[in-house]
Amino acid sequence: MLSVVIPAYNEENAIVDTIESIRAVLRKEDIHPFEIIVVDDGSTDHTADKTEGQADVILIRHPHNVGYGRSLKDGIAKASYDTIAITDADRTYPFESIGQLLKTYQKGFDMVVGARQGKFYKESMIKSPLRKILKFLVEFTTGRQIPDINSGFRVFSRDTIKPYFSHLCDTFSFTTSVTLAYMMTGKFVAYTPIDYHKRDGKTKVRLFRDTLRTLQYILQAINYYNPIKLFILFSTTCIFFSILGFFGSAVLGLRSGFLLGIGGLLVSLIVMCFGLVADLLRQIMSK
């Protein structure tokens, strides 16, 4: 039993082929019963019209565009079956790998993620440093390596994810926020390599805006689940500048460098104290 949730926004050129290919894969893999839930997120083209009436498909329509994450939440809430697979409508994810993800999921993992690879997932000169910053923050917070922090091809339990809804992003950062939420609450997450395909149409992601939103939700997730990690990062930064100050004082004889070093150490100590208080408040609130 499987519910496949597909968020769609202005995907009239790809949505029919996407549905047909998913239906064919599920029948080939002998996965039944199944349902395909398409969430039309206020499309201004004919995405909804082309979806309506399709066999095995449930259509949810938003009156206007509210975001990728909200679409997934509404689709998951509507699902009839506990096992959920999410994928995109632009055919970038190889849904024929669903059998591999489900096989791993059945080993007891709470979430299985398709980790993108291949020439169509190569990082551009602009995306590369932004992805590395976000990847560093997420890996620093969770304490483990994460091959793909925001892949949109995943398998998980409906009943397990629903309690997290209020803390998950309604926009592009949904997948990043759910990765953090699961890992920081002791859930088991596995990654399976998949070949990322060429996009059908233009991306809906606005690089800098969505990167800033993702950074915002990463910081909010750290602050909610494990705030001391955030304060450790700030404290370490202060210590780094403190060391630079002492180095400048020793090598260049700058008195201001010595004062900067002392000030940096004091600030780092204060920041760590705030971090301990924040962590204590988290423990109190969790009870």
Protein backbone atom coordinates (compact mmCIF):
# COMPACT_ATOMS: atom_id res chain seq x y z
CA MET A 1 0.00 0.00 0.00
CA LEU A 2 1.49 3.30 -1.09
CA SER A 3 0.39 6.91 -1.46
CA VAL A 4 2.44 9.00 -3.89
CA VAL A 5 2.24 12.76 -3.29
CA ILE A 6 3.20 15.13 -6.12
CA PRO A 7 3.25 18.90 -5.55
CA ALA A 8 2.69 20.68 -8.86
CA TYR A 9 2.88 24.31 -9.89
CA ASN A 10 2.56 25.20 -13.59
CA GLU A 11 3.57 21.74 -14.79
CA GLU A 12 1.05 21.29 -17.62
CA ASN A 13 3.74 20.01 -20.00
CA ALA A 14 4.95 17.25 -17.70
CA ILE A 15 2.17 16.27 -15.30
CA VAL A 16 0.42 13.71 -17.53
CA ASP A 17 3.66 11.92 -18.41
CA THR A 18 4.68 12.01 -14.76
CA ILE A 19 1.44 10.38 -13.64
CA GLU A 20 1.57 7.75 -16.39
CA SER A 21 5.20 6.83 -15.65
CA ILE A 22 4.52 6.55 -11.91
CA ARG A 23 1.44 4.40 -12.52
CA ALA A 24 3.44 2.13 -14.85
CA VAL A 25 6.29 1.74 -12.36
CA LEU A 26 3.95 0.89 -9.49
CA ARG A 27 2.19 -1.76 -11.57
CA LYS A 28 5.50 -3.19 -12.79
CA GLU A 29 6.81 -3.37 -9.21
CA ASP A 30 3.51 -5.00 -8.16
CA ILE A 31 2.90 -2.30 -5.55
CA HIS A 32 -0.81 -2.31 -4.75
CA PRO A 33 -3.08 -0.87 -3.69
CA PHE A 34 -1.75 2.59 -4.47
CA GLU A 35 -2.97 6.11 -5.01
CA ILE A 36 -1.43 9.16 -6.65
CA ILE A 37 -2.20 12.51 -5.02
CA VAL A 38 -1.47 15.60 -7.09
CA VAL A 39 -1.58 18.91 -5.22
CA ASP A 40 -2.05 21.75 -7.70
CA ASP A 41 -0.57 24.73 -5.89
CA GLY A 42 -2.54 27.52 -7.55
CA SER A 43 -1.21 26.90 -11.06
CA THR A 44 -2.00 29.55 -13.66
CA ASP A 45 -1.79 27.07 -16.54
CA HIS A 46 -3.73 23.84 -17.28
CA THR A 47 -1.99 21.59 -14.74
CA ALA A 48 -5.19 20.90 -12.79
CA ASP A 49 -7.31 20.41 -15.94
CA LYS A 50 -4.90 17.81 -17.30
CA THR A 51 -4.78 16.01 -13.93
CA GLU A 52 -8.52 15.88 -13.26
CA GLY A 53 -10.15 12.62 -14.24
CA GLN A 54 -6.91 10.61 -14.37
CA ALA A 55 -7.26 7.05 -13.08
CA ASP A 56 -5.93 6.34 -9.57
CA VAL A 57 -5.35 10.08 -9.08
CA ILE A 58 -6.70 12.34 -6.34
CA LEU A 59 -6.49 16.04 -7.16
CA ILE A 60 -6.19 18.70 -4.47
CA ARG A 61 -6.45 22.30 -5.66
CA HIS A 62 -5.13 25.37 -3.87
CA PRO A 63 -6.89 28.62 -4.81
CA HIS A 64 -3.52 30.35 -5.03
CA ASN A 65 0.15 29.49 -4.69
CA VAL A 66 1.11 28.84 -1.04
CA GLY A 67 4.29 26.82 -1.34
CA TYR A 68 5.94 23.47 -1.94
CA GLY A 69 5.93 22.44 1.71
CA ARG A 70 2.27 23.32 2.27
CA SER A 71 1.36 21.29 -0.82
CA LEU A 72 3.17 18.26 0.56
CA LYS A 73 1.51 18.64 3.96
CA ASP A 74 -1.95 18.78 2.40
CA GLY A 75 -1.21 15.78 0.19
CA ILE A 76 0.15 13.73 3.09
CA ALA A 77 -2.85 14.61 5.26
CA LYS A 78 -5.19 13.43 2.48
CA ALA A 79 -3.36 10.12 1.96
CA SER A 80 -5.24 6.89 2.61
CA TYR A 81 -2.14 4.78 3.27
CA ASP A 82 0.57 5.14 5.89
CA THR A 83 3.53 4.64 3.55
CA ILE A 84 4.15 7.87 1.64
CA ALA A 85 6.41 8.56 -1.32
CA ILE A 86 6.99 12.14 -2.47
CA THR A 87 8.39 13.17 -5.83
CA ASP A 88 8.32 16.16 -8.18
CA ALA A 89 6.14 16.72 -11.23
CA ASP A 90 8.98 17.73 -13.55
CA ARG A 91 10.37 14.19 -14.05
CA THR A 92 13.77 14.99 -12.55
CA TYR A 93 13.55 12.12 -10.07
CA PRO A 94 13.78 8.52 -11.36
CA PHE A 95 10.60 7.04 -9.92
CA GLU A 96 11.70 3.64 -11.22
CA SER A 97 14.00 3.62 -8.15
CA ILE A 98 10.98 3.51 -5.82
CA GLY A 99 11.40 -0.23 -5.32
CA GLN A 100 14.92 0.31 -4.03
CA LEU A 101 13.78 3.02 -1.61
CA LEU A 102 10.90 0.88 -0.33
CA LYS A 103 13.20 -2.11 0.16
CA THR A 104 15.50 0.02 2.35
CA TYR A 105 12.51 1.55 4.16
CA GLN A 106 11.25 -1.93 5.10
CA LYS A 107 14.48 -2.56 7.00
CA GLY A 108 13.18 -0.31 9.76
CA PHE A 109 14.20 3.18 8.70
CA ASP A 110 11.87 6.08 9.45
CA MET A 111 12.76 7.84 6.19
CA VAL A 112 14.61 6.88 3.04
CA VAL A 113 15.91 9.64 0.77
CA GLY A 114 17.04 9.47 -2.84
CA ALA A 115 20.47 11.17 -2.90
CA ARG A 116 20.85 12.91 -6.25
CA GLN A 117 23.87 12.40 -8.47
CA GLY A 118 24.78 12.64 -12.15
CA LYS A 119 25.59 15.38 -14.65
CA PHE A 120 22.24 17.16 -14.27
CA TYR A 121 22.90 17.62 -10.56
CA LYS A 122 26.28 19.28 -10.98
CA GLU A 123 26.64 22.39 -8.86
CA SER A 124 27.00 25.73 -10.61
CA MET A 125 29.54 28.35 -9.57
CA ILE A 126 26.79 30.21 -7.72
CA LYS A 127 25.01 27.25 -6.15
CA SER A 128 28.14 25.46 -4.96
CA PRO A 129 29.19 27.80 -2.10
CA LEU A 130 25.57 28.29 -0.98
CA ARG A 131 24.96 24.53 -0.85
CA LYS A 132 28.22 24.00 1.03
CA ILE A 133 27.24 26.54 3.70
CA LEU A 134 23.82 24.95 4.19
CA LYS A 135 25.32 21.46 4.13
CA PHE A 136 27.90 22.42 6.75
CA LEU A 137 25.24 23.84 9.09
CA VAL A 138 23.01 20.78 8.77
CA GLU A 139 25.86 18.29 9.21
CA PHE A 140 27.29 20.28 12.14
CA THR A 141 23.88 20.26 13.80
CA THR A 142 23.07 16.59 13.25
CA GLY A 143 26.58 15.26 13.74
CA ARG A 144 26.50 13.05 10.64
CA GLN A 145 27.26 13.25 6.95
CA ILE A 146 24.28 14.03 4.74
CA PRO A 147 24.67 13.31 1.02
CA ASP A 148 21.66 15.41 -0.05
CA ILE A 149 19.95 17.77 2.40
CA ASN A 150 16.97 18.77 0.24
CA SER A 151 16.17 15.90 -2.11
CA GLY A 152 12.46 15.79 -2.98
CA PHE A 153 12.31 12.02 -3.54
CA ARG A 154 11.57 10.31 -0.21
CA VAL A 155 9.66 7.50 1.47
CA PHE A 156 8.34 7.79 5.04
CA SER A 157 5.38 7.12 7.31
CA ARG A 158 2.36 9.43 7.29
CA ASP A 159 1.70 8.87 10.99
CA THR A 160 5.33 9.58 11.91
CA ILE A 161 5.67 12.84 10.00
CA LYS A 162 2.32 14.46 10.86
CA PRO A 163 3.28 15.43 14.46
CA TYR A 164 6.15 17.45 12.96
CA PHE A 165 3.94 19.50 10.63
CA SER A 166 3.84 22.62 12.81
CA HIS A 167 7.64 22.79 12.76
CA LEU A 168 8.14 22.09 9.06
CA CYS A 169 8.53 24.77 6.40
CA ASP A 170 5.60 25.54 4.07
CA THR A 171 7.89 26.51 1.20
CA PHE A 172 10.90 25.12 -0.65
CA SER A 173 12.77 24.29 2.58
CA PHE A 174 10.28 21.58 3.64
CA THR A 175 12.66 18.73 2.81
CA THR A 176 15.58 20.36 4.64
CA SER A 177 13.47 21.03 7.73
CA VAL A 178 12.11 17.47 7.83
CA THR A 179 15.65 16.09 7.52
CA LEU A 180 16.69 18.15 10.55
CA ALA A 181 13.56 17.30 12.51
CA TYR A 182 13.97 13.54 12.02
CA MET A 183 17.69 13.42 12.71
CA MET A 184 17.56 15.69 15.76
CA THR A 185 14.83 13.61 17.39
CA GLY A 186 16.54 10.26 16.97
CA LYS A 187 14.77 8.99 13.86
CA PHE A 188 16.57 6.64 11.45
CA VAL A 189 17.25 8.17 8.03
CA ALA A 190 18.91 6.33 5.13
CA TYR A 191 20.17 7.58 1.76
CA THR A 192 20.06 5.76 -1.56
CA PRO A 193 21.94 7.10 -4.62
CA ILE A 194 19.72 8.01 -7.58
CA ASP A 195 20.43 9.50 -11.01
CA TYR A 196 18.99 12.99 -11.30
CA HIS A 197 17.34 13.68 -14.68
CA LYS A 198 17.12 16.78 -16.83
CA ARG A 199 14.35 19.11 -15.72
CA ASP A 200 11.21 19.42 -17.84
CA GLY A 201 10.64 23.18 -17.97
CA LYS A 202 12.11 25.93 -15.80
CA THR A 203 12.95 25.61 -12.13
CA LYS A 204 10.56 27.22 -9.66
CA VAL A 205 13.37 27.83 -7.18
CA ARG A 206 14.60 31.39 -6.70
CA LEU A 207 18.17 30.83 -5.67
CA PHE A 208 18.96 33.63 -3.22
CA ARG A 209 15.46 34.04 -1.79
CA ASP A 210 14.99 30.32 -1.18
CA THR A 211 18.55 29.92 0.13
CA LEU A 212 17.90 32.63 2.71
CA ARG A 213 14.62 30.98 3.69
CA THR A 214 16.38 27.63 4.00
CA LEU A 215 19.06 29.20 6.19
CA GLN A 216 16.30 30.73 8.33
CA TYR A 217 14.59 27.38 8.88
CA ILE A 218 17.88 25.62 9.59
CA LEU A 219 18.64 28.14 12.33
CA GLN A 220 15.09 27.86 13.68
CA ALA A 221 15.33 24.06 13.73
CA ILE A 222 18.65 24.20 15.58
CA ASN A 223 17.20 26.68 18.04
CA TYR A 224 14.15 24.47 18.64
CA TYR A 225 15.71 20.99 18.77
CA ASN A 226 19.28 21.58 19.96
CA PRO A 227 19.99 25.28 20.70
CA ILE A 228 23.38 24.70 22.31
CA LYS A 229 24.78 23.74 18.90
CA LEU A 230 23.97 27.22 17.63
CA PHE A 231 25.67 28.87 20.60
CA ILE A 232 28.71 26.61 20.19
CA LEU A 233 29.01 27.86 16.63
CA PHE A 234 28.78 31.50 17.72
CA SER A 235 31.22 30.91 20.59
CA THR A 236 33.71 29.19 18.27
CA THR A 237 33.53 32.16 15.91
CA CYS A 238 34.34 34.53 18.79
CA ILE A 239 37.29 32.36 19.82
CA PHE A 240 38.57 32.39 16.22
CA PHE A 241 38.60 36.20 16.15
CA SER A 242 40.15 36.20 19.60
CA ILE A 243 43.03 34.06 18.33
CA LEU A 244 43.46 36.43 15.39
CA GLY A 245 43.68 39.31 17.88
CA PHE A 246 46.35 37.59 19.96
CA PHE A 247 48.26 36.71 16.80
CA GLY A 248 48.15 40.33 15.64
CA SER A 249 49.32 41.48 19.06
CA ALA A 250 52.24 39.01 19.15
CA VAL A 251 53.43 39.46 15.57
CA LEU A 252 52.62 43.09 14.87
CA GLY A 253 52.79 44.42 18.40
CA LEU A 254 49.26 45.81 18.24
CA ARG A 255 47.82 46.57 21.65
CA SER A 256 44.35 46.64 20.10
CA GLY A 257 44.87 43.05 18.97
CA PHE A 258 45.45 41.95 22.56
CA LEU A 259 42.31 43.77 23.69
CA LEU A 260 40.36 42.14 20.83
CA GLY A 261 41.61 38.74 21.94
CA ILE A 262 40.56 39.28 25.56
CA GLY A 263 37.18 40.66 24.46
CA GLY A 264 36.60 37.72 22.14
CA LEU A 265 37.26 35.21 24.91
CA LEU A 266 34.89 37.00 27.28
CA VAL A 267 32.15 37.18 24.64
CA SER A 268 32.59 33.49 23.79
CA LEU A 269 32.18 32.63 27.48
CA ILE A 270 29.00 34.72 27.73
CA VAL A 271 27.62 33.16 24.54
CA MET A 272 28.22 29.64 25.91
CA CYS A 273 26.44 30.57 29.14
CA PHE A 274 23.43 31.71 27.11
CA GLY A 275 23.62 28.43 25.22
CA LEU A 276 23.47 26.40 28.43
CA VAL A 277 20.47 28.41 29.60
CA ALA A 278 18.74 27.90 26.22
CA ASP A 279 19.37 24.16 26.39
CA LEU A 280 18.00 24.01 29.92
CA LEU A 281 14.85 25.83 28.80
CA ARG A 282 14.48 23.33 25.92
CA GLN A 283 14.65 20.44 28.37
CA ILE A 284 12.08 22.08 30.65
CA MET A 285 9.71 22.79 27.74
CA SER A 286 10.02 19.24 26.41
CA LYS A 287 8.71 17.94 29.72
